[in-house]
Amino acid sequence: MKIFEEKLKILSEKYKLDFSYFLIKNKNNISKKKYLVYYGFNKYYYEASHDSYTSKNYFPYFDFSKETDLENWLSSIQITLIKKSKLLKSIKDGKISRNIFKEKFKV
């Protein structure tokens, strides 16, 4: 568990994610132990088995170019956060488009 947390901390620094937003929970079944990792108030999750840290059960999963599934997951979170933070147009540039929309649909 501590090795997993250390690896998660190193990778979160690499992808510029806030480590305090990670929540790691143990899920014990009869036959297997699993880790459930959440990022950002249950927005993104990653499920890892106790034996290996690979998983095919995680969200988001946009990037498949990295070595491990954990790194793919963190990279996908970074991509998602970057896309969320971009503005399409500035307020001044969007004013013209808003006025055309208002005239067209009489809003």
PDB file of N, CA and C in Angstrom:
ATOM      1  N   MET A   1       0.827  -1.189   0.000  1.00  0.00           N
ATOM      2  CA  MET A   1       0.000   0.000   0.000  1.00  0.00           C
ATOM      3  C   MET A   1       0.873   1.256   0.000  1.00  0.00           C
ATOM      4  N   LYS A   2       1.915   1.276   0.816  1.00  0.00           N
ATOM      5  CA  LYS A   2       2.783   2.449   0.879  1.00  0.00           C
ATOM      6  C   LYS A   2       3.555   2.631  -0.416  1.00  0.00           C
ATOM      7  N   ILE A   3       3.948   1.531  -1.044  1.00  0.00           N
ATOM      8  CA  ILE A   3       4.653   1.614  -2.320  1.00  0.00           C
ATOM      9  C   ILE A   3       3.721   2.211  -3.380  1.00  0.00           C
ATOM     10  N   PHE A   4       2.462   1.800  -3.347  1.00  0.00           N
ATOM     11  CA  PHE A   4       1.477   2.330  -4.286  1.00  0.00           C
ATOM     12  C   PHE A   4       1.272   3.827  -4.067  1.00  0.00           C
ATOM     13  N   GLU A   5       1.180   4.250  -2.809  1.00  0.00           N
ATOM     14  CA  GLU A   5       1.010   5.677  -2.503  1.00  0.00           C
ATOM     15  C   GLU A   5       2.218   6.489  -2.950  1.00  0.00           C
ATOM     16  N   GLU A   6       3.411   5.956  -2.748  1.00  0.00           N
ATOM     17  CA  GLU A   6       4.622   6.656  -3.178  1.00  0.00           C
ATOM     18  C   GLU A   6       4.670   6.785  -4.701  1.00  0.00           C
ATOM     19  N   LYS A   7       4.318   5.705  -5.385  1.00  0.00           N
ATOM     20  CA  LYS A   7       4.291   5.739  -6.844  1.00  0.00           C
ATOM     21  C   LYS A   7       3.238   6.738  -7.332  1.00  0.00           C
ATOM     22  N   LEU A   8       2.099   6.758  -6.675  1.00  0.00           N
ATOM     23  CA  LEU A   8       1.038   7.690  -7.025  1.00  0.00           C
ATOM     24  C   LEU A   8       1.474   9.130  -6.780  1.00  0.00           C
ATOM     25  N   LYS A   9       2.198   9.362  -5.704  1.00  0.00           N
ATOM     26  CA  LYS A   9       2.673  10.707  -5.389  1.00  0.00           C
ATOM     27  C   LYS A   9       3.689  11.194  -6.422  1.00  0.00           C
ATOM     28  N   ILE A  10       4.600  10.322  -6.814  1.00  0.00           N
ATOM     29  CA  ILE A  10       5.611  10.683  -7.820  1.00  0.00           C
ATOM     30  C   ILE A  10       4.950  10.998  -9.159  1.00  0.00           C
ATOM     31  N   LEU A  11       4.015  10.146  -9.569  1.00  0.00           N
ATOM     32  CA  LEU A  11       3.338  10.363 -10.853  1.00  0.00           C
ATOM     33  C   LEU A  11       2.417  11.576 -10.814  1.00  0.00           C
ATOM     34  N   SER A  12       1.816  11.852  -9.665  1.00  0.00           N
ATOM     35  CA  SER A  12       0.952  13.040  -9.578  1.00  0.00           C
ATOM     36  C   SER A  12       1.773  14.321  -9.691  1.00  0.00           C
ATOM     37  N   GLU A  13       2.994  14.310  -9.170  1.00  0.00           N
ATOM     38  CA  GLU A  13       3.875  15.467  -9.337  1.00  0.00           C
ATOM     39  C   GLU A  13       4.297  15.610 -10.798  1.00  0.00           C
ATOM     40  N   LYS A  14       4.525  14.479 -11.452  1.00  0.00           N
ATOM     41  CA  LYS A  14       4.924  14.501 -12.862  1.00  0.00           C
ATOM     42  C   LYS A  14       3.826  15.101 -13.735  1.00  0.00           C
ATOM     43  N   TYR A  15       2.577  14.773 -13.447  1.00  0.00           N
ATOM     44  CA  TYR A  15       1.457  15.250 -14.253  1.00  0.00           C
ATOM     45  C   TYR A  15       0.759  16.463 -13.650  1.00  0.00           C
ATOM     46  N   LYS A  16       1.385  17.074 -12.646  1.00  0.00           N
ATOM     47  CA  LYS A  16       0.909  18.322 -12.028  1.00  0.00           C
ATOM     48  C   LYS A  16      -0.508  18.191 -11.478  1.00  0.00           C
ATOM     49  N   LEU A  17      -0.759  17.095 -10.755  1.00  0.00           N
ATOM     50  CA  LEU A  17      -2.034  16.871 -10.087  1.00  0.00           C
ATOM     51  C   LEU A  17      -1.830  17.033  -8.582  1.00  0.00           C
ATOM     52  N   ASP A  18      -2.841  17.521  -7.902  1.00  0.00           N
ATOM     53  CA  ASP A  18      -2.766  17.748  -6.461  1.00  0.00           C
ATOM     54  C   ASP A  18      -2.946  16.414  -5.727  1.00  0.00           C
ATOM     55  N   PHE A  19      -1.920  15.993  -5.003  1.00  0.00           N
ATOM     56  CA  PHE A  19      -1.969  14.689  -4.331  1.00  0.00           C
ATOM     57  C   PHE A  19      -3.015  14.657  -3.220  1.00  0.00           C
ATOM     58  N   SER A  20      -3.363  15.796  -2.663  1.00  0.00           N
ATOM     59  CA  SER A  20      -4.354  15.813  -1.577  1.00  0.00           C
ATOM     60  C   SER A  20      -5.759  15.467  -2.076  1.00  0.00           C
ATOM     61  N   TYR A  21      -5.993  15.508  -3.389  1.00  0.00           N
ATOM     62  CA  TYR A  21      -7.292  15.144  -3.941  1.00  0.00           C
ATOM     63  C   TYR A  21      -7.465  13.637  -4.124  1.00  0.00           C
ATOM     64  N   PHE A  22      -6.412  12.859  -3.913  1.00  0.00           N
ATOM     65  CA  PHE A  22      -6.501  11.414  -4.053  1.00  0.00           C
ATOM     66  C   PHE A  22      -7.043  10.788  -2.778  1.00  0.00           C
ATOM     67  N   LEU A  23      -7.924   9.812  -2.943  1.00  0.00           N
ATOM     68  CA  LEU A  23      -8.466   9.044  -1.829  1.00  0.00           C
ATOM     69  C   LEU A  23      -8.301   7.573  -2.174  1.00  0.00           C
ATOM     70  N   ILE A  24      -7.599   6.836  -1.309  1.00  0.00           N
ATOM     71  CA  ILE A  24      -7.329   5.421  -1.554  1.00  0.00           C
ATOM     72  C   ILE A  24      -8.112   4.602  -0.535  1.00  0.00           C
ATOM     73  N   LYS A  25      -8.920   3.676  -1.041  1.00  0.00           N
ATOM     74  CA  LYS A  25      -9.717   2.802  -0.177  1.00  0.00           C
ATOM     75  C   LYS A  25      -9.376   1.348  -0.468  1.00  0.00           C
ATOM     76  N   ASN A  26      -9.379   0.534   0.583  1.00  0.00           N
ATOM     77  CA  ASN A  26      -9.200  -0.912   0.420  1.00  0.00           C
ATOM     78  C   ASN A  26     -10.568  -1.553   0.277  1.00  0.00           C
ATOM     79  N   LYS A  27     -10.668  -2.455  -0.677  1.00  0.00           N
ATOM     80  CA  LYS A  27     -11.905  -3.198  -0.878  1.00  0.00           C
ATOM     81  C   LYS A  27     -11.543  -4.676  -0.804  1.00  0.00           C
ATOM     82  N   ASN A  28     -11.975  -5.346   0.241  1.00  0.00           N
ATOM     83  CA  ASN A  28     -11.625  -6.744   0.441  1.00  0.00           C
ATOM     84  C   ASN A  28     -12.792  -7.639   0.035  1.00  0.00           C
ATOM     85  N   ASN A  29     -12.550  -8.455  -0.947  1.00  0.00           N
ATOM     86  CA  ASN A  29     -13.498  -9.508  -1.320  1.00  0.00           C
ATOM     87  C   ASN A  29     -13.038 -10.812  -0.682  1.00  0.00           C
ATOM     88  N   ILE A  30     -13.763 -11.857  -0.908  1.00  0.00           N
ATOM     89  CA  ILE A  30     -13.396 -13.154  -0.331  1.00  0.00           C
ATOM     90  C   ILE A  30     -12.080 -13.648  -0.913  1.00  0.00           C
ATOM     91  N   SER A  31     -11.895 -13.510  -2.197  1.00  0.00           N
ATOM     92  CA  SER A  31     -10.706 -14.057  -2.840  1.00  0.00           C
ATOM     93  C   SER A  31      -9.619 -13.028  -3.137  1.00  0.00           C
ATOM     94  N   LYS A  32      -9.980 -11.754  -3.311  1.00  0.00           N
ATOM     95  CA  LYS A  32      -9.002 -10.766  -3.746  1.00  0.00           C
ATOM     96  C   LYS A  32      -9.089  -9.494  -2.906  1.00  0.00           C
ATOM     97  N   LYS A  33      -7.961  -8.838  -2.804  1.00  0.00           N
ATOM     98  CA  LYS A  33      -7.924  -7.502  -2.224  1.00  0.00           C
ATOM     99  C   LYS A  33      -7.750  -6.515  -3.360  1.00  0.00           C
ATOM    100  N   LYS A  34      -8.495  -5.427  -3.291  1.00  0.00           N
ATOM    101  CA  LYS A  34      -8.412  -4.418  -4.336  1.00  0.00           C
ATOM    102  C   LYS A  34      -8.255  -3.047  -3.701  1.00  0.00           C
ATOM    103  N   TYR A  35      -7.632  -2.165  -4.452  1.00  0.00           N
ATOM    104  CA  TYR A  35      -7.543  -0.766  -4.074  1.00  0.00           C
ATOM    105  C   TYR A  35      -8.449   0.030  -5.000  1.00  0.00           C
ATOM    106  N   LEU A  36      -9.220   0.908  -4.435  1.00  0.00           N
ATOM    107  CA  LEU A  36      -9.999   1.852  -5.214  1.00  0.00           C
ATOM    108  C   LEU A  36      -9.409   3.225  -4.963  1.00  0.00           C
ATOM    109  N   VAL A  37      -9.019   3.893  -6.029  1.00  0.00           N
ATOM    110  CA  VAL A  37      -8.406   5.209  -5.919  1.00  0.00           C
ATOM    111  C   VAL A  37      -9.348   6.202  -6.590  1.00  0.00           C
ATOM    112  N   TYR A  38      -9.688   7.246  -5.855  1.00  0.00           N
ATOM    113  CA  TYR A  38     -10.547   8.296  -6.378  1.00  0.00           C
ATOM    114  C   TYR A  38      -9.747   9.587  -6.462  1.00  0.00           C
ATOM    115  N   TYR A  39     -10.062  10.388  -7.451  1.00  0.00           N
ATOM    116  CA  TYR A  39      -9.435  11.703  -7.577  1.00  0.00           C
ATOM    117  C   TYR A  39     -10.521  12.745  -7.761  1.00  0.00           C
ATOM    118  N   GLY A  40     -10.446  13.813  -6.998  1.00  0.00           N
ATOM    119  CA  GLY A  40     -11.348  14.947  -7.186  1.00  0.00           C
ATOM    120  C   GLY A  40     -12.768  14.684  -6.777  1.00  0.00           C
ATOM    121  N   PHE A  41     -12.990  14.292  -5.547  1.00  0.00           N
ATOM    122  CA  PHE A  41     -14.330  14.116  -5.002  1.00  0.00           C
ATOM    123  C   PHE A  41     -15.160  13.135  -5.831  1.00  0.00           C
ATOM    124  N   ASN A  42     -14.605  11.946  -6.040  1.00  0.00           N
ATOM    125  CA  ASN A  42     -15.252  10.827  -6.735  1.00  0.00           C
ATOM    126  C   ASN A  42     -15.554  11.092  -8.205  1.00  0.00           C
ATOM    127  N   LYS A  43     -14.827  12.003  -8.829  1.00  0.00           N
ATOM    128  CA  LYS A  43     -15.031  12.242 -10.254  1.00  0.00           C
ATOM    129  C   LYS A  43     -14.339  11.181 -11.099  1.00  0.00           C
ATOM    130  N   TYR A  44     -13.132  10.813 -10.718  1.00  0.00           N
ATOM    131  CA  TYR A  44     -12.333   9.872 -11.484  1.00  0.00           C
ATOM    132  C   TYR A  44     -11.933   8.720 -10.573  1.00  0.00           C
ATOM    133  N   TYR A  45     -11.945   7.505 -11.103  1.00  0.00           N
ATOM    134  CA  TYR A  45     -11.602   6.354 -10.266  1.00  0.00           C
ATOM    135  C   TYR A  45     -10.634   5.418 -10.983  1.00  0.00           C
ATOM    136  N   TYR A  46      -9.954   4.641 -10.167  1.00  0.00           N
ATOM    137  CA  TYR A  46      -9.001   3.649 -10.658  1.00  0.00           C
ATOM    138  C   TYR A  46      -9.084   2.458  -9.726  1.00  0.00           C
ATOM    139  N   GLU A  47      -9.220   1.270 -10.277  1.00  0.00           N
ATOM    140  CA  GLU A  47      -9.307   0.050  -9.480  1.00  0.00           C
ATOM    141  C   GLU A  47      -8.070  -0.800  -9.748  1.00  0.00           C
ATOM    142  N   ALA A  48      -7.332  -1.117  -8.692  1.00  0.00           N
ATOM    143  CA  ALA A  48      -6.109  -1.907  -8.831  1.00  0.00           C
ATOM    144  C   ALA A  48      -6.177  -3.118  -7.911  1.00  0.00           C
ATOM    145  N   SER A  49      -5.646  -4.232  -8.364  1.00  0.00           N
ATOM    146  CA  SER A  49      -5.587  -5.416  -7.519  1.00  0.00           C
ATOM    147  C   SER A  49      -4.379  -5.323  -6.594  1.00  0.00           C
ATOM    148  N   HIS A  50      -4.386  -6.127  -5.560  1.00  0.00           N
ATOM    149  CA  HIS A  50      -3.318  -6.088  -4.566  1.00  0.00           C
ATOM    150  C   HIS A  50      -2.000  -6.607  -5.139  1.00  0.00           C
ATOM    151  N   ASP A  51      -2.080  -7.581  -6.021  1.00  0.00           N
ATOM    152  CA  ASP A  51      -0.870  -8.202  -6.561  1.00  0.00           C
ATOM    153  C   ASP A  51      -0.147  -7.299  -7.543  1.00  0.00           C
ATOM    154  N   SER A  52      -0.895  -6.684  -8.436  1.00  0.00           N
ATOM    155  CA  SER A  52      -0.279  -5.828  -9.451  1.00  0.00           C
ATOM    156  C   SER A  52      -1.045  -4.521  -9.518  1.00  0.00           C
ATOM    157  N   TYR A  53      -0.385  -3.518 -10.024  1.00  0.00           N
ATOM    158  CA  TYR A  53      -1.000  -2.203 -10.092  1.00  0.00           C
ATOM    159  C   TYR A  53      -1.542  -1.898 -11.483  1.00  0.00           C
ATOM    160  N   THR A  54      -1.729  -2.925 -12.267  1.00  0.00           N
ATOM    161  CA  THR A  54      -2.348  -2.734 -13.574  1.00  0.00           C
ATOM    162  C   THR A  54      -3.856  -2.895 -13.428  1.00  0.00           C
ATOM    163  N   SER A  55      -4.574  -2.226 -14.289  1.00  0.00           N
ATOM    164  CA  SER A  55      -6.023  -2.287 -14.227  1.00  0.00           C
ATOM    165  C   SER A  55      -6.606  -1.967 -15.585  1.00  0.00           C
ATOM    166  N   LYS A  56      -7.723  -2.552 -15.877  1.00  0.00           N
ATOM    167  CA  LYS A  56      -8.475  -2.186 -17.071  1.00  0.00           C
ATOM    168  C   LYS A  56      -9.791  -1.528 -16.671  1.00  0.00           C
ATOM    169  N   ASN A  57      -9.918  -1.201 -15.394  1.00  0.00           N
ATOM    170  CA  ASN A  57     -11.134  -0.598 -14.877  1.00  0.00           C
ATOM    171  C   ASN A  57     -10.797   0.757 -14.271  1.00  0.00           C
ATOM    172  N   TYR A  58     -10.796   1.785 -15.130  1.00  0.00           N
ATOM    173  CA  TYR A  58     -10.533   3.135 -14.655  1.00  0.00           C
ATOM    174  C   TYR A  58     -11.180   4.145 -15.588  1.00  0.00           C
ATOM    175  N   PHE A  59     -11.408   5.334 -15.067  1.00  0.00           N
ATOM    176  CA  PHE A  59     -12.012   6.408 -15.839  1.00  0.00           C
ATOM    177  C   PHE A  59     -11.347   7.708 -15.465  1.00  0.00           C
ATOM    178  N   PRO A  60     -10.971   8.562 -16.336  1.00  0.00           N
ATOM    179  CA  PRO A  60     -11.021   8.543 -17.788  1.00  0.00           C
ATOM    180  C   PRO A  60      -9.884   7.722 -18.371  1.00  0.00           C
ATOM    181  N   TYR A  61     -10.033   7.307 -19.607  1.00  0.00           N
ATOM    182  CA  TYR A  61      -9.031   6.474 -20.281  1.00  0.00           C
ATOM    183  C   TYR A  61      -8.817   6.952 -21.704  1.00  0.00           C
ATOM    184  N   PHE A  62      -8.288   8.167 -21.827  1.00  0.00           N
ATOM    185  CA  PHE A  62      -8.051   8.748 -23.146  1.00  0.00           C
ATOM    186  C   PHE A  62      -6.671   8.439 -23.686  1.00  0.00           C
ATOM    187  N   ASP A  63      -5.706   8.306 -22.804  1.00  0.00           N
ATOM    188  CA  ASP A  63      -4.312   8.176 -23.224  1.00  0.00           C
ATOM    189  C   ASP A  63      -3.842   6.739 -23.005  1.00  0.00           C
ATOM    190  N   PHE A  64      -3.368   6.091 -24.058  1.00  0.00           N
ATOM    191  CA  PHE A  64      -2.862   4.726 -23.946  1.00  0.00           C
ATOM    192  C   PHE A  64      -1.388   4.635 -24.316  1.00  0.00           C
ATOM    193  N   SER A  65      -0.686   5.750 -24.308  1.00  0.00           N
ATOM    194  CA  SER A  65       0.685   5.763 -24.795  1.00  0.00           C
ATOM    195  C   SER A  65       1.729   5.540 -23.715  1.00  0.00           C
ATOM    196  N   LYS A  66       1.335   5.471 -22.453  1.00  0.00           N
ATOM    197  CA  LYS A  66       2.291   5.347 -21.355  1.00  0.00           C
ATOM    198  C   LYS A  66       2.581   3.888 -21.043  1.00  0.00           C
ATOM    199  N   GLU A  67       3.553   3.675 -20.141  1.00  0.00           N
ATOM    200  CA  GLU A  67       3.988   2.314 -19.815  1.00  0.00           C
ATOM    201  C   GLU A  67       2.966   1.540 -18.995  1.00  0.00           C
ATOM    202  N   THR A  68       2.366   2.197 -17.999  1.00  0.00           N
ATOM    203  CA  THR A  68       1.461   1.497 -17.092  1.00  0.00           C
ATOM    204  C   THR A  68       0.062   2.084 -17.181  1.00  0.00           C
ATOM    205  N   ASP A  69      -0.896   1.307 -16.696  1.00  0.00           N
ATOM    206  CA  ASP A  69      -2.273   1.779 -16.676  1.00  0.00           C
ATOM    207  C   ASP A  69      -2.446   2.943 -15.710  1.00  0.00           C
ATOM    208  N   LEU A  70      -1.723   2.922 -14.601  1.00  0.00           N
ATOM    209  CA  LEU A  70      -1.796   4.015 -13.629  1.00  0.00           C
ATOM    210  C   LEU A  70      -1.319   5.322 -14.250  1.00  0.00           C
ATOM    211  N   GLU A  71      -0.257   5.255 -15.011  1.00  0.00           N
ATOM    212  CA  GLU A  71       0.259   6.448 -15.674  1.00  0.00           C
ATOM    213  C   GLU A  71      -0.695   6.917 -16.779  1.00  0.00           C
ATOM    214  N   ASN A  72      -1.318   5.979 -17.481  1.00  0.00           N
ATOM    215  CA  ASN A  72      -2.325   6.345 -18.487  1.00  0.00           C
ATOM    216  C   ASN A  72      -3.493   7.076 -17.830  1.00  0.00           C
ATOM    217  N   TRP A  73      -3.917   6.590 -16.662  1.00  0.00           N
ATOM    218  CA  TRP A  73      -5.027   7.194 -15.942  1.00  0.00           C
ATOM    219  C   TRP A  73      -4.694   8.622 -15.510  1.00  0.00           C
ATOM    220  N   LEU A  74      -3.514   8.810 -14.934  1.00  0.00           N
ATOM    221  CA  LEU A  74      -3.124  10.142 -14.474  1.00  0.00           C
ATOM    222  C   LEU A  74      -2.945  11.105 -15.643  1.00  0.00           C
ATOM    223  N   SER A  75      -2.402  10.608 -16.736  1.00  0.00           N
ATOM    224  CA  SER A  75      -2.261  11.435 -17.926  1.00  0.00           C
ATOM    225  C   SER A  75      -3.626  11.826 -18.484  1.00  0.00           C
ATOM    226  N   SER A  76      -4.574  10.909 -18.440  1.00  0.00           N
ATOM    227  CA  SER A  76      -5.924  11.195 -18.913  1.00  0.00           C
ATOM    228  C   SER A  76      -6.612  12.239 -18.045  1.00  0.00           C
ATOM    229  N   ILE A  77      -6.379  12.184 -16.742  1.00  0.00           N
ATOM    230  CA  ILE A  77      -6.938  13.203 -15.846  1.00  0.00           C
ATOM    231  C   ILE A  77      -6.351  14.563 -16.188  1.00  0.00           C
ATOM    232  N   GLN A  78      -5.042  14.605 -16.414  1.00  0.00           N
ATOM    233  CA  GLN A  78      -4.397  15.862 -16.760  1.00  0.00           C
ATOM    234  C   GLN A  78      -4.973  16.427 -18.065  1.00  0.00           C
ATOM    235  N   ILE A  79      -5.146  15.589 -19.066  1.00  0.00           N
ATOM    236  CA  ILE A  79      -5.716  16.018 -20.345  1.00  0.00           C
ATOM    237  C   ILE A  79      -7.130  16.560 -20.139  1.00  0.00           C
ATOM    238  N   THR A  80      -7.923  15.868 -19.333  1.00  0.00           N
ATOM    239  CA  THR A  80      -9.292  16.295 -19.056  1.00  0.00           C
ATOM    240  C   THR A  80      -9.323  17.647 -18.360  1.00  0.00           C
ATOM    241  N   LEU A  81      -8.468  17.835 -17.359  1.00  0.00           N
ATOM    242  CA  LEU A  81      -8.438  19.100 -16.625  1.00  0.00           C
ATOM    243  C   LEU A  81      -7.965  20.249 -17.503  1.00  0.00           C
ATOM    244  N   ILE A  82      -7.026  19.987 -18.395  1.00  0.00           N
ATOM    245  CA  ILE A  82      -6.554  21.032 -19.310  1.00  0.00           C
ATOM    246  C   ILE A  82      -7.673  21.431 -20.273  1.00  0.00           C
ATOM    247  N   LYS A  83      -8.397  20.446 -20.801  1.00  0.00           N
ATOM    248  CA  LYS A  83      -9.491  20.763 -21.725  1.00  0.00           C
ATOM    249  C   LYS A  83     -10.609  21.525 -21.030  1.00  0.00           C
ATOM    250  N   LYS A  84     -10.846  21.218 -19.749  1.00  0.00           N
ATOM    251  CA  LYS A  84     -11.889  21.928 -19.017  1.00  0.00           C
ATOM    252  C   LYS A  84     -11.525  23.387 -18.777  1.00  0.00           C
ATOM    253  N   SER A  85     -10.249  23.665 -18.611  1.00  0.00           N
ATOM    254  CA  SER A  85      -9.833  25.005 -18.236  1.00  0.00           C
ATOM    255  C   SER A  85      -9.675  25.960 -19.413  1.00  0.00           C
ATOM    256  N   LYS A  86      -9.705  25.460 -20.637  1.00  0.00           N
ATOM    257  CA  LYS A  86      -9.537  26.317 -21.811  1.00  0.00           C
ATOM    258  C   LYS A  86     -10.844  27.029 -22.154  1.00  0.00           C
ATOM    259  N   LEU A  87     -10.725  28.290 -22.501  1.00  0.00           N
ATOM    260  CA  LEU A  87     -11.868  29.045 -23.004  1.00  0.00           C
ATOM    261  C   LEU A  87     -11.872  28.968 -24.522  1.00  0.00           C
ATOM    262  N   LEU A  88     -13.046  28.892 -25.092  1.00  0.00           N
ATOM    263  CA  LEU A  88     -13.128  28.848 -26.542  1.00  0.00           C
ATOM    264  C   LEU A  88     -12.825  30.201 -27.149  1.00  0.00           C
ATOM    265  N   LYS A  89     -13.416  31.262 -26.598  1.00  0.00           N
ATOM    266  CA  LYS A  89     -13.180  32.621 -27.060  1.00  0.00           C
ATOM    267  C   LYS A  89     -13.134  33.526 -25.845  1.00  0.00           C
ATOM    268  N   SER A  90     -12.495  34.647 -26.017  1.00  0.00           N
ATOM    269  CA  SER A  90     -12.520  35.637 -24.940  1.00  0.00           C
ATOM    270  C   SER A  90     -13.906  36.283 -24.912  1.00  0.00           C
ATOM    271  N   ILE A  91     -14.201  36.997 -23.858  1.00  0.00           N
ATOM    272  CA  ILE A  91     -15.522  37.621 -23.718  1.00  0.00           C
ATOM    273  C   ILE A  91     -15.751  38.655 -24.814  1.00  0.00           C
ATOM    274  N   LYS A  92     -14.727  39.421 -25.136  1.00  0.00           N
ATOM    275  CA  LYS A  92     -14.876  40.444 -26.174  1.00  0.00           C
ATOM    276  C   LYS A  92     -15.111  39.813 -27.546  1.00  0.00           C
ATOM    277  N   ASP A  93     -14.377  38.725 -27.844  1.00  0.00           N
ATOM    278  CA  ASP A  93     -14.558  38.064 -29.139  1.00  0.00           C
ATOM    279  C   ASP A  93     -15.908  37.351 -29.226  1.00  0.00           C
ATOM    280  N   GLY A  94     -16.399  36.868 -28.126  1.00  0.00           N
ATOM    281  CA  GLY A  94     -17.669  36.153 -28.110  1.00  0.00           C
ATOM    282  C   GLY A  94     -18.876  37.061 -28.184  1.00  0.00           C
ATOM    283  N   LYS A  95     -18.693  38.355 -27.926  1.00  0.00           N
ATOM    284  CA  LYS A  95     -19.823  39.297 -27.951  1.00  0.00           C
ATOM    285  C   LYS A  95     -20.480  39.348 -29.323  1.00  0.00           C
ATOM    286  N   ILE A  96     -19.693  39.343 -30.373  1.00  0.00           N
ATOM    287  CA  ILE A  96     -20.231  39.381 -31.734  1.00  0.00           C
ATOM    288  C   ILE A  96     -21.082  38.133 -31.998  1.00  0.00           C
ATOM    289  N   SER A  97     -20.563  36.974 -31.601  1.00  0.00           N
ATOM    290  CA  SER A  97     -21.305  35.720 -31.809  1.00  0.00           C
ATOM    291  C   SER A  97     -22.587  35.700 -30.993  1.00  0.00           C
ATOM    292  N   ARG A  98     -22.555  36.218 -29.781  1.00  0.00           N
ATOM    293  CA  ARG A  98     -23.756  36.264 -28.944  1.00  0.00           C
ATOM    294  C   ARG A  98     -24.810  37.193 -29.540  1.00  0.00           C
ATOM    295  N   ASN A  99     -24.376  38.319 -30.071  1.00  0.00           N
ATOM    296  CA  ASN A  99     -25.333  39.250 -30.686  1.00  0.00           C
ATOM    297  C   ASN A  99     -25.982  38.645 -31.925  1.00  0.00           C
ATOM    298  N   ILE A 100     -25.207  37.951 -32.732  1.00  0.00           N
ATOM    299  CA  ILE A 100     -25.766  37.274 -33.918  1.00  0.00           C
ATOM    300  C   ILE A 100     -26.776  36.213 -33.481  1.00  0.00           C
ATOM    301  N   PHE A 101     -26.457  35.451 -32.437  1.00  0.00           N
ATOM    302  CA  PHE A 101     -27.363  34.426 -31.912  1.00  0.00           C
ATOM    303  C   PHE A 101     -28.659  35.073 -31.420  1.00  0.00           C
ATOM    304  N   LYS A 102     -28.546  36.190 -30.696  1.00  0.00           N
ATOM    305  CA  LYS A 102     -29.733  36.858 -30.154  1.00  0.00           C
ATOM    306  C   LYS A 102     -30.624  37.377 -31.266  1.00  0.00           C
ATOM    307  N   GLU A 103     -30.023  37.937 -32.314  1.00  0.00           N
ATOM    308  CA  GLU A 103     -30.835  38.455 -33.433  1.00  0.00           C
ATOM    309  C   GLU A 103     -31.482  37.316 -34.223  1.00  0.00           C
ATOM    310  N   LYS A 104     -30.756  36.236 -34.402  1.00  0.00           N
ATOM    311  CA  LYS A 104     -31.269  35.136 -35.203  1.00  0.00           C
ATOM    312  C   LYS A 104     -32.457  34.454 -34.525  1.00  0.00           C
ATOM    313  N   PHE A 105     -32.337  34.184 -33.216  1.00  0.00           N
ATOM    314  CA  PHE A 105     -33.374  33.463 -32.499  1.00  0.00           C
ATOM    315  C   PHE A 105     -34.270  34.359 -31.656  1.00  0.00           C
ATOM    316  N   LYS A 106     -34.077  35.665 -31.752  1.00  0.00           N
ATOM    317  CA  LYS A 106     -34.886  36.667 -31.047  1.00  0.00           C
ATOM    318  C   LYS A 106     -34.992  36.363 -29.565  1.00  0.00           C
ATOM    319  N   VAL A 107     -33.821  36.257 -28.966  1.00  0.00           N
ATOM    320  CA  VAL A 107     -33.735  35.963 -27.522  1.00  0.00           C
ATOM    321  C   VAL A 107     -33.598  37.244 -26.762  1.00  0.00           C
TER     322      VAL A 107
END
